[in-house]
Amino acid sequence: MGDTSETAPMIITKTTIDWFVAACIVKRMYQTGTVRHIQARCSNEGTVSMTPISLEVRNKDTLVVMWDGSRVKDMRRCPQ
């Protein structure tokens, strides 16, 4: 696993998102066009907050992520 936000995998299920130091429970999710918008309750190094997350798949294997209003480095699908 990764030690930084750039190397840590983002693990997404229907009800949770785990990434780097954040563990989130999905509270609300909807889609507009190709973007999935998520409102999640996240625990991050002892702080709990509602966090907006947006996910968009581009070019079949690239995930564009907006986390709490900031774009993070594009992610790639893990080899299977």
PDB file of N, CA and C in Angstrom:
ATOM      1  N   MET A   1       0.837  -1.180   0.000  1.00  0.00           N
ATOM      2  CA  MET A   1       0.000   0.000   0.000  1.00  0.00           C
ATOM      3  C   MET A   1       0.887   1.250   0.000  1.00  0.00           C
ATOM      4  N   GLY A   2       0.281   2.372  -0.343  1.00  0.00           N
ATOM      5  CA  GLY A   2       1.060   3.587  -0.434  1.00  0.00           C
ATOM      6  C   GLY A   2       1.141   4.358   0.868  1.00  0.00           C
ATOM      7  N   ASP A   3       2.224   5.102   1.002  1.00  0.00           N
ATOM      8  CA  ASP A   3       2.452   5.913   2.190  1.00  0.00           C
ATOM      9  C   ASP A   3       2.037   7.369   2.003  1.00  0.00           C
ATOM     10  N   THR A   4       1.667   7.738   0.780  1.00  0.00           N
ATOM     11  CA  THR A   4       1.259   9.113   0.489  1.00  0.00           C
ATOM     12  C   THR A   4      -0.052   9.084  -0.286  1.00  0.00           C
ATOM     13  N   SER A   5      -0.689  10.243  -0.405  1.00  0.00           N
ATOM     14  CA  SER A   5      -1.941  10.308  -1.163  1.00  0.00           C
ATOM     15  C   SER A   5      -1.725   9.957  -2.635  1.00  0.00           C
ATOM     16  N   GLU A   6      -0.528  10.192  -3.159  1.00  0.00           N
ATOM     17  CA  GLU A   6      -0.254   9.878  -4.561  1.00  0.00           C
ATOM     18  C   GLU A   6      -0.001   8.398  -4.805  1.00  0.00           C
ATOM     19  N   THR A   7       0.402   7.650  -3.781  1.00  0.00           N
ATOM     20  CA  THR A   7       0.710   6.234  -3.986  1.00  0.00           C
ATOM     21  C   THR A   7      -0.302   5.301  -3.328  1.00  0.00           C
ATOM     22  N   ALA A   8      -1.172   5.827  -2.475  1.00  0.00           N
ATOM     23  CA  ALA A   8      -2.152   4.986  -1.785  1.00  0.00           C
ATOM     24  C   ALA A   8      -3.303   4.635  -2.726  1.00  0.00           C
ATOM     25  N   PRO A   9      -3.766   3.390  -2.692  1.00  0.00           N
ATOM     26  CA  PRO A   9      -4.924   3.027  -3.517  1.00  0.00           C
ATOM     27  C   PRO A   9      -6.203   3.598  -2.915  1.00  0.00           C
ATOM     28  N   MET A  10      -7.156   3.922  -3.783  1.00  0.00           N
ATOM     29  CA  MET A  10      -8.488   4.308  -3.326  1.00  0.00           C
ATOM     30  C   MET A  10      -9.362   3.073  -3.499  1.00  0.00           C
ATOM     31  N   ILE A  11      -9.948   2.628  -2.402  1.00  0.00           N
ATOM     32  CA  ILE A  11     -10.776   1.427  -2.436  1.00  0.00           C
ATOM     33  C   ILE A  11     -12.225   1.871  -2.266  1.00  0.00           C
ATOM     34  N   ILE A  12     -13.037   1.585  -3.292  1.00  0.00           N
ATOM     35  CA  ILE A  12     -14.410   2.068  -3.338  1.00  0.00           C
ATOM     36  C   ILE A  12     -15.366   0.883  -3.371  1.00  0.00           C
ATOM     37  N   THR A  13     -16.345   0.883  -2.459  1.00  0.00           N
ATOM     38  CA  THR A  13     -17.450  -0.075  -2.512  1.00  0.00           C
ATOM     39  C   THR A  13     -18.746   0.735  -2.607  1.00  0.00           C
ATOM     40  N   LYS A  14     -19.885   0.073  -2.597  1.00  0.00           N
ATOM     41  CA  LYS A  14     -21.157   0.792  -2.662  1.00  0.00           C
ATOM     42  C   LYS A  14     -21.402   1.653  -1.429  1.00  0.00           C
ATOM     43  N   THR A  15     -20.790   1.276  -0.303  1.00  0.00           N
ATOM     44  CA  THR A  15     -21.079   1.985   0.948  1.00  0.00           C
ATOM     45  C   THR A  15     -19.873   2.652   1.596  1.00  0.00           C
ATOM     46  N   THR A  16     -18.658   2.394   1.108  1.00  0.00           N
ATOM     47  CA  THR A  16     -17.461   2.960   1.735  1.00  0.00           C
ATOM     48  C   THR A  16     -16.440   3.419   0.699  1.00  0.00           C
ATOM     49  N   ILE A  17     -15.593   4.347   1.138  1.00  0.00           N
ATOM     50  CA  ILE A  17     -14.423   4.775   0.366  1.00  0.00           C
ATOM     51  C   ILE A  17     -13.264   4.863   1.351  1.00  0.00           C
ATOM     52  N   ASP A  18     -12.194   4.159   1.066  1.00  0.00           N
ATOM     53  CA  ASP A  18     -10.981   4.216   1.885  1.00  0.00           C
ATOM     54  C   ASP A  18      -9.838   4.699   1.003  1.00  0.00           C
ATOM     55  N   TRP A  19      -9.147   5.742   1.482  1.00  0.00           N
ATOM     56  CA  TRP A  19      -8.032   6.286   0.702  1.00  0.00           C
ATOM     57  C   TRP A  19      -7.053   6.980   1.639  1.00  0.00           C
ATOM     58  N   PHE A  20      -5.806   6.584   1.545  1.00  0.00           N
ATOM     59  CA  PHE A  20      -4.719   7.170   2.321  1.00  0.00           C
ATOM     60  C   PHE A  20      -5.097   7.158   3.795  1.00  0.00           C
ATOM     61  N   VAL A  21      -5.334   8.285   4.439  1.00  0.00           N
ATOM     62  CA  VAL A  21      -5.676   8.301   5.868  1.00  0.00           C
ATOM     63  C   VAL A  21      -7.172   8.491   6.112  1.00  0.00           C
ATOM     64  N   ALA A  22      -7.979   8.465   5.055  1.00  0.00           N
ATOM     65  CA  ALA A  22      -9.415   8.683   5.192  1.00  0.00           C
ATOM     66  C   ALA A  22     -10.189   7.371   5.091  1.00  0.00           C
ATOM     67  N   ALA A  23     -11.162   7.226   5.976  1.00  0.00           N
ATOM     68  CA  ALA A  23     -12.112   6.113   5.924  1.00  0.00           C
ATOM     69  C   ALA A  23     -13.497   6.742   5.899  1.00  0.00           C
ATOM     70  N   CYS A  24     -14.256   6.479   4.835  1.00  0.00           N
ATOM     71  CA  CYS A  24     -15.522   7.175   4.623  1.00  0.00           C
ATOM     72  C   CYS A  24     -16.692   6.217   4.487  1.00  0.00           C
ATOM     73  N   ILE A  25     -17.853   6.693   4.941  1.00  0.00           N
ATOM     74  CA  ILE A  25     -19.111   5.993   4.753  1.00  0.00           C
ATOM     75  C   ILE A  25     -19.949   6.838   3.796  1.00  0.00           C
ATOM     76  N   VAL A  26     -20.394   6.244   2.707  1.00  0.00           N
ATOM     77  CA  VAL A  26     -21.196   6.950   1.711  1.00  0.00           C
ATOM     78  C   VAL A  26     -22.573   7.227   2.295  1.00  0.00           C
ATOM     79  N   LYS A  27     -22.973   8.495   2.297  1.00  0.00           N
ATOM     80  CA  LYS A  27     -24.282   8.897   2.810  1.00  0.00           C
ATOM     81  C   LYS A  27     -25.266   9.182   1.682  1.00  0.00           C
ATOM     82  N   ARG A  28     -24.765   9.771   0.594  1.00  0.00           N
ATOM     83  CA  ARG A  28     -25.616  10.136  -0.534  1.00  0.00           C
ATOM     84  C   ARG A  28     -24.789  10.052  -1.803  1.00  0.00           C
ATOM     85  N   MET A  29     -25.417   9.589  -2.887  1.00  0.00           N
ATOM     86  CA  MET A  29     -24.703   9.482  -4.156  1.00  0.00           C
ATOM     87  C   MET A  29     -25.681   9.743  -5.297  1.00  0.00           C
ATOM     88  N   TYR A  30     -25.221  10.516  -6.280  1.00  0.00           N
ATOM     89  CA  TYR A  30     -26.020  10.733  -7.487  1.00  0.00           C
ATOM     90  C   TYR A  30     -25.074  10.976  -8.647  1.00  0.00           C
ATOM     91  N   GLN A  31     -25.624  10.899  -9.858  1.00  0.00           N
ATOM     92  CA  GLN A  31     -24.800  11.042 -11.043  1.00  0.00           C
ATOM     93  C   GLN A  31     -25.358  12.127 -11.937  1.00  0.00           C
ATOM     94  N   THR A  32     -24.456  12.969 -12.482  1.00  0.00           N
ATOM     95  CA  THR A  32     -24.816  13.936 -13.510  1.00  0.00           C
ATOM     96  C   THR A  32     -23.878  13.698 -14.672  1.00  0.00           C
ATOM     97  N   GLY A  33     -24.403  13.308 -15.793  1.00  0.00           N
ATOM     98  CA  GLY A  33     -23.564  12.978 -16.942  1.00  0.00           C
ATOM     99  C   GLY A  33     -22.636  11.827 -16.601  1.00  0.00           C
ATOM    100  N   THR A  34     -21.339  12.056 -16.741  1.00  0.00           N
ATOM    101  CA  THR A  34     -20.360  11.001 -16.465  1.00  0.00           C
ATOM    102  C   THR A  34     -19.730  11.122 -15.080  1.00  0.00           C
ATOM    103  N   VAL A  35     -20.195  12.085 -14.295  1.00  0.00           N
ATOM    104  CA  VAL A  35     -19.606  12.325 -12.972  1.00  0.00           C
ATOM    105  C   VAL A  35     -20.512  11.761 -11.874  1.00  0.00           C
ATOM    106  N   ARG A  36     -19.915  10.981 -10.984  1.00  0.00           N
ATOM    107  CA  ARG A  36     -20.632  10.477  -9.813  1.00  0.00           C
ATOM    108  C   ARG A  36     -20.268  11.371  -8.629  1.00  0.00           C
ATOM    109  N   HIS A  37     -21.295  11.943  -8.000  1.00  0.00           N
ATOM    110  CA  HIS A  37     -21.112  12.846  -6.863  1.00  0.00           C
ATOM    111  C   HIS A  37     -21.464  12.089  -5.591  1.00  0.00           C
ATOM    112  N   ILE A  38     -20.603  12.199  -4.588  1.00  0.00           N
ATOM    113  CA  ILE A  38     -20.788  11.467  -3.341  1.00  0.00           C
ATOM    114  C   ILE A  38     -20.670  12.434  -2.168  1.00  0.00           C
ATOM    115  N   GLN A  39     -21.584  12.301  -1.240  1.00  0.00           N
ATOM    116  CA  GLN A  39     -21.469  13.000   0.039  1.00  0.00           C
ATOM    117  C   GLN A  39     -21.147  11.910   1.051  1.00  0.00           C
ATOM    118  N   ALA A  40     -19.996  11.998   1.695  1.00  0.00           N
ATOM    119  CA  ALA A  40     -19.539  10.934   2.580  1.00  0.00           C
ATOM    120  C   ALA A  40     -19.159  11.484   3.947  1.00  0.00           C
ATOM    121  N   ARG A  41     -19.347  10.667   4.954  1.00  0.00           N
ATOM    122  CA  ARG A  41     -18.900  11.000   6.308  1.00  0.00           C
ATOM    123  C   ARG A  41     -17.531  10.360   6.470  1.00  0.00           C
ATOM    124  N   CYS A  42     -16.509  11.190   6.560  1.00  0.00           N
ATOM    125  CA  CYS A  42     -15.137  10.693   6.549  1.00  0.00           C
ATOM    126  C   CYS A  42     -14.425  10.961   7.875  1.00  0.00           C
ATOM    127  N   SER A  43     -13.668   9.968   8.303  1.00  0.00           N
ATOM    128  CA  SER A  43     -12.777  10.113   9.438  1.00  0.00           C
ATOM    129  C   SER A  43     -11.371  10.215   8.866  1.00  0.00           C
ATOM    130  N   ASN A  44     -10.685  11.297   9.242  1.00  0.00           N
ATOM    131  CA  ASN A  44      -9.375  11.565   8.677  1.00  0.00           C
ATOM    132  C   ASN A  44      -8.451  12.014   9.810  1.00  0.00           C
ATOM    133  N   GLU A  45      -7.583  11.113  10.258  1.00  0.00           N
ATOM    134  CA  GLU A  45      -6.652  11.398  11.348  1.00  0.00           C
ATOM    135  C   GLU A  45      -7.357  11.961  12.581  1.00  0.00           C
ATOM    136  N   GLY A  46      -8.473  11.340  12.959  1.00  0.00           N
ATOM    137  CA  GLY A  46      -9.182  11.732  14.164  1.00  0.00           C
ATOM    138  C   GLY A  46     -10.270  12.773  13.984  1.00  0.00           C
ATOM    139  N   THR A  47     -10.337  13.399  12.830  1.00  0.00           N
ATOM    140  CA  THR A  47     -11.360  14.399  12.546  1.00  0.00           C
ATOM    141  C   THR A  47     -12.445  13.786  11.676  1.00  0.00           C
ATOM    142  N   VAL A  48     -13.701  13.994  12.048  1.00  0.00           N
ATOM    143  CA  VAL A  48     -14.824  13.479  11.266  1.00  0.00           C
ATOM    144  C   VAL A  48     -15.546  14.650  10.622  1.00  0.00           C
ATOM    145  N   SER A  49     -15.817  14.532   9.308  1.00  0.00           N
ATOM    146  CA  SER A  49     -16.512  15.610   8.609  1.00  0.00           C
ATOM    147  C   SER A  49     -17.268  15.049   7.411  1.00  0.00           C
ATOM    148  N   MET A  50     -18.256  15.811   6.951  1.00  0.00           N
ATOM    149  CA  MET A  50     -18.945  15.475   5.714  1.00  0.00           C
ATOM    150  C   MET A  50     -18.052  15.968   4.574  1.00  0.00           C
ATOM    151  N   THR A  51     -17.752  15.080   3.655  1.00  0.00           N
ATOM    152  CA  THR A  51     -16.793  15.383   2.595  1.00  0.00           C
ATOM    153  C   THR A  51     -17.425  15.156   1.231  1.00  0.00           C
ATOM    154  N   PRO A  52     -17.455  16.177   0.360  1.00  0.00           N
ATOM    155  CA  PRO A  52     -17.925  15.966  -1.008  1.00  0.00           C
ATOM    156  C   PRO A  52     -16.813  15.326  -1.842  1.00  0.00           C
ATOM    157  N   ILE A  53     -17.176  14.300  -2.594  1.00  0.00           N
ATOM    158  CA  ILE A  53     -16.227  13.582  -3.449  1.00  0.00           C
ATOM    159  C   ILE A  53     -16.881  13.428  -4.810  1.00  0.00           C
ATOM    160  N   SER A  54     -16.144  13.714  -5.875  1.00  0.00           N
ATOM    161  CA  SER A  54     -16.637  13.503  -7.235  1.00  0.00           C
ATOM    162  C   SER A  54     -15.681  12.572  -7.964  1.00  0.00           C
ATOM    163  N   LEU A  55     -16.250  11.615  -8.684  1.00  0.00           N
ATOM    164  CA  LEU A  55     -15.461  10.642  -9.429  1.00  0.00           C
ATOM    165  C   LEU A  55     -15.921  10.619 -10.882  1.00  0.00           C
ATOM    166  N   GLU A  56     -14.968  10.635 -11.799  1.00  0.00           N
ATOM    167  CA  GLU A  56     -15.294  10.543 -13.224  1.00  0.00           C
ATOM    168  C   GLU A  56     -14.282   9.638 -13.903  1.00  0.00           C
ATOM    169  N   VAL A  57     -14.787   8.613 -14.584  1.00  0.00           N
ATOM    170  CA  VAL A  57     -13.914   7.713 -15.334  1.00  0.00           C
ATOM    171  C   VAL A  57     -13.678   8.323 -16.711  1.00  0.00           C
ATOM    172  N   ARG A  58     -12.414   8.412 -17.096  1.00  0.00           N
ATOM    173  CA  ARG A  58     -12.036   8.906 -18.423  1.00  0.00           C
ATOM    174  C   ARG A  58     -11.115   7.887 -19.082  1.00  0.00           C
ATOM    175  N   ASN A  59     -11.261   7.728 -20.353  1.00  0.00           N
ATOM    176  CA  ASN A  59     -10.407   6.823 -21.143  1.00  0.00           C
ATOM    177  C   ASN A  59     -10.371   5.407 -20.571  1.00  0.00           C
ATOM    178  N   LYS A  60     -11.455   4.948 -20.034  1.00  0.00           N
ATOM    179  CA  LYS A  60     -11.662   3.596 -19.526  1.00  0.00           C
ATOM    180  C   LYS A  60     -10.846   3.221 -18.298  1.00  0.00           C
ATOM    181  N   ASP A  61      -9.670   3.805 -18.088  1.00  0.00           N
ATOM    182  CA  ASP A  61      -8.854   3.379 -16.941  1.00  0.00           C
ATOM    183  C   ASP A  61      -8.326   4.530 -16.086  1.00  0.00           C
ATOM    184  N   THR A  62      -8.761   5.759 -16.373  1.00  0.00           N
ATOM    185  CA  THR A  62      -8.323   6.912 -15.592  1.00  0.00           C
ATOM    186  C   THR A  62      -9.483   7.423 -14.748  1.00  0.00           C
ATOM    187  N   LEU A  63      -9.243   7.630 -13.467  1.00  0.00           N
ATOM    188  CA  LEU A  63     -10.254   8.147 -12.559  1.00  0.00           C
ATOM    189  C   LEU A  63      -9.870   9.560 -12.157  1.00  0.00           C
ATOM    190  N   VAL A  64     -10.730  10.512 -12.503  1.00  0.00           N
ATOM    191  CA  VAL A  64     -10.539  11.903 -12.110  1.00  0.00           C
ATOM    192  C   VAL A  64     -11.270  12.091 -10.787  1.00  0.00           C
ATOM    193  N   VAL A  65     -10.558  12.593  -9.781  1.00  0.00           N
ATOM    194  CA  VAL A  65     -11.104  12.685  -8.430  1.00  0.00           C
ATOM    195  C   VAL A  65     -11.070  14.124  -7.930  1.00  0.00           C
ATOM    196  N   MET A  66     -12.211  14.576  -7.420  1.00  0.00           N
ATOM    197  CA  MET A  66     -12.287  15.831  -6.671  1.00  0.00           C
ATOM    198  C   MET A  66     -12.594  15.425  -5.235  1.00  0.00           C
ATOM    199  N   TRP A  67     -11.753  15.852  -4.295  1.00  0.00           N
ATOM    200  CA  TRP A  67     -11.910  15.466  -2.889  1.00  0.00           C
ATOM    201  C   TRP A  67     -12.027  16.737  -2.058  1.00  0.00           C
ATOM    202  N   ASP A  68     -13.180  16.954  -1.487  1.00  0.00           N
ATOM    203  CA  ASP A  68     -13.427  18.128  -0.648  1.00  0.00           C
ATOM    204  C   ASP A  68     -13.086  19.423  -1.387  1.00  0.00           C
ATOM    205  N   GLY A  69     -13.466  19.479  -2.665  1.00  0.00           N
ATOM    206  CA  GLY A  69     -13.284  20.688  -3.464  1.00  0.00           C
ATOM    207  C   GLY A  69     -11.952  20.828  -4.174  1.00  0.00           C
ATOM    208  N   SER A  70     -11.026  19.893  -3.947  1.00  0.00           N
ATOM    209  CA  SER A  70      -9.707  19.981  -4.593  1.00  0.00           C
ATOM    210  C   SER A  70      -9.495  18.781  -5.508  1.00  0.00           C
ATOM    211  N   ARG A  71      -8.971  19.053  -6.694  1.00  0.00           N
ATOM    212  CA  ARG A  71      -8.655  17.952  -7.603  1.00  0.00           C
ATOM    213  C   ARG A  71      -7.367  17.291  -7.152  1.00  0.00           C
ATOM    214  N   VAL A  72      -7.395  15.968  -7.107  1.00  0.00           N
ATOM    215  CA  VAL A  72      -6.195  15.222  -6.754  1.00  0.00           C
ATOM    216  C   VAL A  72      -5.622  14.604  -8.018  1.00  0.00           C
ATOM    217  N   LYS A  73      -4.420  14.099  -7.930  1.00  0.00           N
ATOM    218  CA  LYS A  73      -3.770  13.494  -9.084  1.00  0.00           C
ATOM    219  C   LYS A  73      -4.653  12.388  -9.654  1.00  0.00           C
ATOM    220  N   ASP A  74      -4.790  12.361 -10.994  1.00  0.00           N
ATOM    221  CA  ASP A  74      -5.591  11.321 -11.642  1.00  0.00           C
ATOM    222  C   ASP A  74      -5.094   9.944 -11.233  1.00  0.00           C
ATOM    223  N   MET A  75      -6.023   9.043 -11.077  1.00  0.00           N
ATOM    224  CA  MET A  75      -5.680   7.678 -10.653  1.00  0.00           C
ATOM    225  C   MET A  75      -5.895   6.716 -11.803  1.00  0.00           C
ATOM    226  N   ARG A  76      -5.212   5.600 -11.745  1.00  0.00           N
ATOM    227  CA  ARG A  76      -5.344   4.539 -12.751  1.00  0.00           C
ATOM    228  C   ARG A  76      -5.892   3.291 -12.082  1.00  0.00           C
ATOM    229  N   ARG A  77      -6.640   2.523 -12.856  1.00  0.00           N
ATOM    230  CA  ARG A  77      -7.177   1.263 -12.368  1.00  0.00           C
ATOM    231  C   ARG A  77      -6.028   0.303 -12.083  1.00  0.00           C
ATOM    232  N   CYS A  78      -6.132  -0.419 -10.970  1.00  0.00           N
ATOM    233  CA  CYS A  78      -5.119  -1.405 -10.630  1.00  0.00           C
ATOM    234  C   CYS A  78      -5.168  -2.568 -11.625  1.00  0.00           C
ATOM    235  N   PRO A  79      -4.019  -3.133 -11.986  1.00  0.00           N
ATOM    236  CA  PRO A  79      -4.022  -4.300 -12.870  1.00  0.00           C
ATOM    237  C   PRO A  79      -4.769  -5.451 -12.187  1.00  0.00           C
ATOM    238  N   GLN A  80      -5.474  -6.226 -13.002  1.00  0.00           N
ATOM    239  CA  GLN A  80      -6.251  -7.328 -12.410  1.00  0.00           C
ATOM    240  C   GLN A  80      -5.596  -8.646 -12.604  1.00  0.00           C
TER     241      GLN A  80
END
